[in-house]
């Protein structure tokens, strides 16, 4: 038993990750209403021997934390004007093209606060990299994490977003703070 699996077991969490193993994919995780979502999702994915990547502000990649973040799949993102080369979506697609393994976890809400409009960047990344999207849920009501659906994006942003939001519409109760999740 690895340390991640043990940590989840000791805290009463279960998980079910039944999607195929992909060398390259986007992992859409919702609802996202708590900072704990990151650690729980990371623990569940690591529990089955998979490594997830995640985007994080470059501000956090300072010594010695940067080594730990990179070890766990962190990808620093420079957001200030003039310092980045191309759009974030373009840079991430290039990463998919150059790296042999990228399982990029994203939260489409883009924040832990309630939002009506979800970010579409993860769809454009999936389109550009030509990778599937795994649909993950962190269910606080049952203390259960699951990634059991694979979504093949069509290239139609509106249709893809509707299909993904429809999937998550049945998970409002799962959020740590349900009032902050608008599927």
C-alpha atoms as a PDB file:
ATOM      1  CA  UNK A   1       0.000   0.000   0.000  1.00  0.00           C
ATOM      2  CA  UNK A   2       1.474   3.348  -0.987  1.00  0.00           C
ATOM      3  CA  UNK A   3       1.472   6.402   1.265  1.00  0.00           C
ATOM      4  CA  UNK A   4      -1.254   8.140  -0.780  1.00  0.00           C
ATOM      5  CA  UNK A   5      -3.628   5.193  -0.496  1.00  0.00           C
ATOM      6  CA  UNK A   6      -2.903   4.918   3.221  1.00  0.00           C
ATOM      7  CA  UNK A   7      -3.561   8.637   3.784  1.00  0.00           C
ATOM      8  CA  UNK A   8      -6.930   8.401   2.030  1.00  0.00           C
ATOM      9  CA  UNK A   9      -7.868   5.256   3.966  1.00  0.00           C
ATOM     10  CA  UNK A  10      -6.921   6.777   7.324  1.00  0.00           C
ATOM     11  CA  UNK A  11      -9.048   9.848   6.599  1.00  0.00           C
ATOM     12  CA  UNK A  12     -12.043   7.773   5.496  1.00  0.00           C
ATOM     13  CA  UNK A  13     -11.866   8.540   1.770  1.00  0.00           C
ATOM     14  CA  UNK A  14     -12.438   5.975  -0.970  1.00  0.00           C
ATOM     15  CA  UNK A  15     -11.720   6.259  -4.659  1.00  0.00           C
ATOM     16  CA  UNK A  16     -12.628   4.650  -7.934  1.00  0.00           C
ATOM     17  CA  UNK A  17     -10.437   5.402 -10.944  1.00  0.00           C
ATOM     18  CA  UNK A  18     -11.599   3.124 -13.734  1.00  0.00           C
ATOM     19  CA  UNK A  19     -10.706   5.085 -16.868  1.00  0.00           C
ATOM     20  CA  UNK A  20      -7.953   3.636 -19.050  1.00  0.00           C
ATOM     21  CA  UNK A  21      -4.379   4.761 -18.483  1.00  0.00           C
ATOM     22  CA  UNK A  22      -3.461   7.486 -20.950  1.00  0.00           C
ATOM     23  CA  UNK A  23       0.004   8.892 -21.495  1.00  0.00           C
ATOM     24  CA  UNK A  24      -1.655  12.158 -22.472  1.00  0.00           C
ATOM     25  CA  UNK A  25      -5.011  13.534 -21.357  1.00  0.00           C
ATOM     26  CA  UNK A  26      -6.755  16.416 -19.653  1.00  0.00           C
ATOM     27  CA  UNK A  27      -8.421  15.621 -16.325  1.00  0.00           C
ATOM     28  CA  UNK A  28     -11.419  17.864 -15.695  1.00  0.00           C
ATOM     29  CA  UNK A  29     -12.137  18.022 -11.949  1.00  0.00           C
ATOM     30  CA  UNK A  30     -15.331  19.490 -10.501  1.00  0.00           C
ATOM     31  CA  UNK A  31     -16.822  20.657  -8.276  1.00  0.00           C
ATOM     32  CA  UNK A  32     -13.947  22.819  -7.064  1.00  0.00           C
ATOM     33  CA  UNK A  33     -14.941  24.727  -3.917  1.00  0.00           C
ATOM     34  CA  UNK A  34     -12.080  23.989  -1.507  1.00  0.00           C
ATOM     35  CA  UNK A  35      -8.278  24.019  -1.368  1.00  0.00           C
ATOM     36  CA  UNK A  36      -8.523  20.393  -0.169  1.00  0.00           C
ATOM     37  CA  UNK A  37      -9.660  19.368  -3.669  1.00  0.00           C
ATOM     38  CA  UNK A  38      -6.091  19.558  -4.915  1.00  0.00           C
ATOM     39  CA  UNK A  39      -4.617  17.271  -2.247  1.00  0.00           C
ATOM     40  CA  UNK A  40      -7.471  14.776  -2.399  1.00  0.00           C
ATOM     41  CA  UNK A  41      -7.337  14.537  -6.189  1.00  0.00           C
ATOM     42  CA  UNK A  42      -3.553  14.225  -6.173  1.00  0.00           C
ATOM     43  CA  UNK A  43      -3.695  11.499  -3.505  1.00  0.00           C
ATOM     44  CA  UNK A  44      -6.320   9.479  -5.369  1.00  0.00           C
ATOM     45  CA  UNK A  45      -4.471   9.646  -8.692  1.00  0.00           C
ATOM     46  CA  UNK A  46      -1.139   8.773  -7.067  1.00  0.00           C
ATOM     47  CA  UNK A  47      -2.852   5.904  -5.193  1.00  0.00           C
ATOM     48  CA  UNK A  48      -3.307   4.035  -8.456  1.00  0.00           C
ATOM     49  CA  UNK A  49       0.243   4.743  -9.613  1.00  0.00           C
ATOM     50  CA  UNK A  50      -0.570   7.616 -11.946  1.00  0.00           C
ATOM     51  CA  UNK A  51       0.996  11.050 -11.943  1.00  0.00           C
ATOM     52  CA  UNK A  52      -1.123  14.139 -12.544  1.00  0.00           C
ATOM     53  CA  UNK A  53       0.223  17.447 -13.733  1.00  0.00           C
ATOM     54  CA  UNK A  54      -1.208  20.761 -12.651  1.00  0.00           C
ATOM     55  CA  UNK A  55      -0.720  24.413 -13.497  1.00  0.00           C
ATOM     56  CA  UNK A  56       0.290  26.750 -10.694  1.00  0.00           C
ATOM     57  CA  UNK A  57       1.362  30.374 -10.546  1.00  0.00           C
ATOM     58  CA  UNK A  58       5.133  30.617 -10.947  1.00  0.00           C
ATOM     59  CA  UNK A  59       5.159  32.661  -7.732  1.00  0.00           C
ATOM     60  CA  UNK A  60       4.971  29.375  -5.776  1.00  0.00           C
ATOM     61  CA  UNK A  61       8.017  27.842  -7.478  1.00  0.00           C
ATOM     62  CA  UNK A  62      10.653  29.231  -5.117  1.00  0.00           C
ATOM     63  CA  UNK A  63      13.443  27.321  -3.377  1.00  0.00           C
ATOM     64  CA  UNK A  64      12.947  24.739  -1.900  1.00  0.00           C
ATOM     65  CA  UNK A  65       9.191  24.403  -2.643  1.00  0.00           C
ATOM     66  CA  UNK A  66       9.773  24.339  -6.406  1.00  0.00           C
ATOM     67  CA  UNK A  67      11.421  20.903  -6.192  1.00  0.00           C
ATOM     68  CA  UNK A  68       8.481  19.418  -4.330  1.00  0.00           C
ATOM     69  CA  UNK A  69       5.913  20.995  -6.670  1.00  0.00           C
ATOM     70  CA  UNK A  70       7.742  19.780  -9.781  1.00  0.00           C
ATOM     71  CA  UNK A  71       8.119  16.300  -8.282  1.00  0.00           C
ATOM     72  CA  UNK A  72       4.349  16.098  -7.855  1.00  0.00           C
ATOM     73  CA  UNK A  73       3.667  17.288 -11.413  1.00  0.00           C
ATOM     74  CA  UNK A  74       3.555  21.048 -10.986  1.00  0.00           C
ATOM     75  CA  UNK A  75       3.975  23.219 -14.052  1.00  0.00           C
ATOM     76  CA  UNK A  76       4.819  26.873 -13.313  1.00  0.00           C
ATOM     77  CA  UNK A  77       2.746  29.462 -15.160  1.00  0.00           C
ATOM     78  CA  UNK A  78       4.031  32.972 -15.734  1.00  0.00           C
ATOM     79  CA  UNK A  79       0.978  35.190 -16.074  1.00  0.00           C
ATOM     80  CA  UNK A  80       2.499  38.678 -16.120  1.00  0.00           C
ATOM     81  CA  UNK A  81       2.601  40.570 -19.400  1.00  0.00           C
ATOM     82  CA  UNK A  82       5.855  40.436 -21.317  1.00  0.00           C
ATOM     83  CA  UNK A  83       7.311  37.441 -19.490  1.00  0.00           C
ATOM     84  CA  UNK A  84       5.289  34.694 -21.153  1.00  0.00           C
ATOM     85  CA  UNK A  85       5.870  33.456 -24.682  1.00  0.00           C
ATOM     86  CA  UNK A  86       2.482  32.933 -26.365  1.00  0.00           C
ATOM     87  CA  UNK A  87      -0.858  32.186 -24.777  1.00  0.00           C
ATOM     88  CA  UNK A  88      -1.096  29.746 -21.908  1.00  0.00           C
ATOM     89  CA  UNK A  89      -3.139  27.383 -24.090  1.00  0.00           C
ATOM     90  CA  UNK A  90      -0.451  27.406 -26.804  1.00  0.00           C
ATOM     91  CA  UNK A  91       2.301  26.787 -24.250  1.00  0.00           C
ATOM     92  CA  UNK A  92       0.441  23.859 -22.711  1.00  0.00           C
ATOM     93  CA  UNK A  93      -0.293  22.327 -26.129  1.00  0.00           C
ATOM     94  CA  UNK A  94       3.450  22.579 -26.909  1.00  0.00           C
ATOM     95  CA  UNK A  95       4.117  20.765 -23.636  1.00  0.00           C
ATOM     96  CA  UNK A  96       1.831  17.922 -24.755  1.00  0.00           C
ATOM     97  CA  UNK A  97       3.764  17.813 -28.044  1.00  0.00           C
ATOM     98  CA  UNK A  98       7.210  17.653 -26.431  1.00  0.00           C
ATOM     99  CA  UNK A  99       6.684  15.554 -23.297  1.00  0.00           C
ATOM    100  CA  UNK A 100       6.012  11.803 -23.373  1.00  0.00           C
ATOM    101  CA  UNK A 101       3.580  11.954 -20.426  1.00  0.00           C
ATOM    102  CA  UNK A 102       1.135  14.727 -19.519  1.00  0.00           C
ATOM    103  CA  UNK A 103      -2.034  14.095 -17.498  1.00  0.00           C
ATOM    104  CA  UNK A 104      -3.096  17.685 -16.881  1.00  0.00           C
ATOM    105  CA  UNK A 105      -5.641  18.209 -14.092  1.00  0.00           C
ATOM    106  CA  UNK A 106      -7.750  21.358 -14.421  1.00  0.00           C
ATOM    107  CA  UNK A 107     -10.753  22.845 -12.676  1.00  0.00           C
ATOM    108  CA  UNK A 108     -13.059  24.363 -15.288  1.00  0.00           C
ATOM    109  CA  UNK A 109     -14.550  26.814 -12.805  1.00  0.00           C
ATOM    110  CA  UNK A 110     -11.121  28.413 -12.461  1.00  0.00           C
ATOM    111  CA  UNK A 111     -11.834  29.444  -8.880  1.00  0.00           C
ATOM    112  CA  UNK A 112     -13.279  28.107  -5.644  1.00  0.00           C
ATOM    113  CA  UNK A 113     -16.013  30.743  -5.734  1.00  0.00           C
ATOM    114  CA  UNK A 114     -19.408  30.327  -7.400  1.00  0.00           C
ATOM    115  CA  UNK A 115     -19.218  31.162 -11.125  1.00  0.00           C
ATOM    116  CA  UNK A 116     -21.806  30.852 -13.894  1.00  0.00           C
ATOM    117  CA  UNK A 117     -19.277  30.809 -16.733  1.00  0.00           C
ATOM    118  CA  UNK A 118     -16.692  28.045 -16.768  1.00  0.00           C
ATOM    119  CA  UNK A 119     -13.279  28.523 -18.386  1.00  0.00           C
ATOM    120  CA  UNK A 120     -12.870  26.935 -21.816  1.00  0.00           C
ATOM    121  CA  UNK A 121      -9.067  26.752 -21.896  1.00  0.00           C
ATOM    122  CA  UNK A 122      -9.044  23.065 -20.986  1.00  0.00           C
ATOM    123  CA  UNK A 123     -11.164  22.340 -24.079  1.00  0.00           C
ATOM    124  CA  UNK A 124      -8.789  24.255 -26.349  1.00  0.00           C
ATOM    125  CA  UNK A 125      -5.856  22.399 -24.792  1.00  0.00           C
ATOM    126  CA  UNK A 126      -7.580  19.062 -25.455  1.00  0.00           C
ATOM    127  CA  UNK A 127      -8.372  20.118 -29.044  1.00  0.00           C
ATOM    128  CA  UNK A 128      -4.833  21.324 -29.748  1.00  0.00           C
ATOM    129  CA  UNK A 129      -3.175  18.305 -28.148  1.00  0.00           C
ATOM    130  CA  UNK A 130      -5.787  15.924 -29.585  1.00  0.00           C
ATOM    131  CA  UNK A 131      -6.285  14.187 -26.234  1.00  0.00           C
ATOM    132  CA  UNK A 132      -9.317  12.868 -24.348  1.00  0.00           C
ATOM    133  CA  UNK A 133     -10.798  14.522 -21.281  1.00  0.00           C
ATOM    134  CA  UNK A 134     -11.262  12.459 -18.125  1.00  0.00           C
ATOM    135  CA  UNK A 135     -14.154  13.581 -15.911  1.00  0.00           C
ATOM    136  CA  UNK A 136     -13.290  13.527 -12.214  1.00  0.00           C
ATOM    137  CA  UNK A 137     -15.438  14.186  -9.165  1.00  0.00           C
ATOM    138  CA  UNK A 138     -14.429  14.784  -5.552  1.00  0.00           C
ATOM    139  CA  UNK A 139     -17.556  13.921  -3.584  1.00  0.00           C
ATOM    140  CA  UNK A 140     -17.396  15.301  -0.042  1.00  0.00           C
ATOM    141  CA  UNK A 141     -20.891  13.994   0.785  1.00  0.00           C
ATOM    142  CA  UNK A 142     -19.679  10.397   0.430  1.00  0.00           C
ATOM    143  CA  UNK A 143     -15.924  11.019   0.898  1.00  0.00           C
ATOM    144  CA  UNK A 144     -15.377   9.427  -2.483  1.00  0.00           C
ATOM    145  CA  UNK A 145     -13.221  10.404  -5.461  1.00  0.00           C
ATOM    146  CA  UNK A 146     -13.975   9.039  -8.884  1.00  0.00           C
ATOM    147  CA  UNK A 147     -12.692   9.294 -12.413  1.00  0.00           C
ATOM    148  CA  UNK A 148     -14.896   6.922 -14.346  1.00  0.00           C
ATOM    149  CA  UNK A 149     -15.829   8.765 -17.546  1.00  0.00           C
ATOM    150  CA  UNK A 150     -13.756   9.599 -20.607  1.00  0.00           C
ATOM    151  CA  UNK A 151     -15.065  12.363 -22.848  1.00  0.00           C
ATOM    152  CA  UNK A 152     -13.863  12.625 -26.446  1.00  0.00           C
ATOM    153  CA  UNK A 153     -14.035  16.320 -27.376  1.00  0.00           C
ATOM    154  CA  UNK A 154     -15.722  17.134 -30.676  1.00  0.00           C
ATOM    155  CA  UNK A 155     -14.145  20.514 -31.398  1.00  0.00           C
ATOM    156  CA  UNK A 156     -17.434  22.336 -30.858  1.00  0.00           C
ATOM    157  CA  UNK A 157     -16.814  24.417 -27.726  1.00  0.00           C
ATOM    158  CA  UNK A 158     -20.482  25.069 -26.955  1.00  0.00           C
ATOM    159  CA  UNK A 159     -21.531  21.437 -27.435  1.00  0.00           C
ATOM    160  CA  UNK A 160     -18.549  20.086 -25.493  1.00  0.00           C
ATOM    161  CA  UNK A 161     -19.044  22.489 -22.608  1.00  0.00           C
ATOM    162  CA  UNK A 162     -22.760  21.658 -22.476  1.00  0.00           C
ATOM    163  CA  UNK A 163     -22.031  17.914 -22.398  1.00  0.00           C
ATOM    164  CA  UNK A 164     -19.442  18.313 -19.645  1.00  0.00           C
ATOM    165  CA  UNK A 165     -21.620  20.634 -17.567  1.00  0.00           C
ATOM    166  CA  UNK A 166     -24.549  18.235 -18.025  1.00  0.00           C
ATOM    167  CA  UNK A 167     -22.377  15.457 -16.599  1.00  0.00           C
ATOM    168  CA  UNK A 168     -21.514  17.554 -13.541  1.00  0.00           C
ATOM    169  CA  UNK A 169     -25.078  18.813 -13.062  1.00  0.00           C
ATOM    170  CA  UNK A 170     -25.812  15.697 -11.009  1.00  0.00           C
ATOM    171  CA  UNK A 171     -22.925  16.392  -8.632  1.00  0.00           C
ATOM    172  CA  UNK A 172     -23.963  19.630  -6.869  1.00  0.00           C
ATOM    173  CA  UNK A 173     -24.307  17.703  -3.603  1.00  0.00           C
ATOM    174  CA  UNK A 174     -20.688  16.531  -3.951  1.00  0.00           C
ATOM    175  CA  UNK A 175     -19.069  19.939  -3.415  1.00  0.00           C
ATOM    176  CA  UNK A 176     -17.513  20.714  -0.069  1.00  0.00           C
ATOM    177  CA  UNK A 177     -19.486  23.961  -0.258  1.00  0.00           C
ATOM    178  CA  UNK A 178     -22.493  23.208  -2.515  1.00  0.00           C
ATOM    179  CA  UNK A 179     -23.579  26.867  -2.618  1.00  0.00           C
ATOM    180  CA  UNK A 180     -20.322  27.659  -4.464  1.00  0.00           C
ATOM    181  CA  UNK A 181     -20.880  25.138  -7.273  1.00  0.00           C
ATOM    182  CA  UNK A 182     -22.960  26.136 -10.290  1.00  0.00           C
ATOM    183  CA  UNK A 183     -22.989  23.308 -12.839  1.00  0.00           C
END
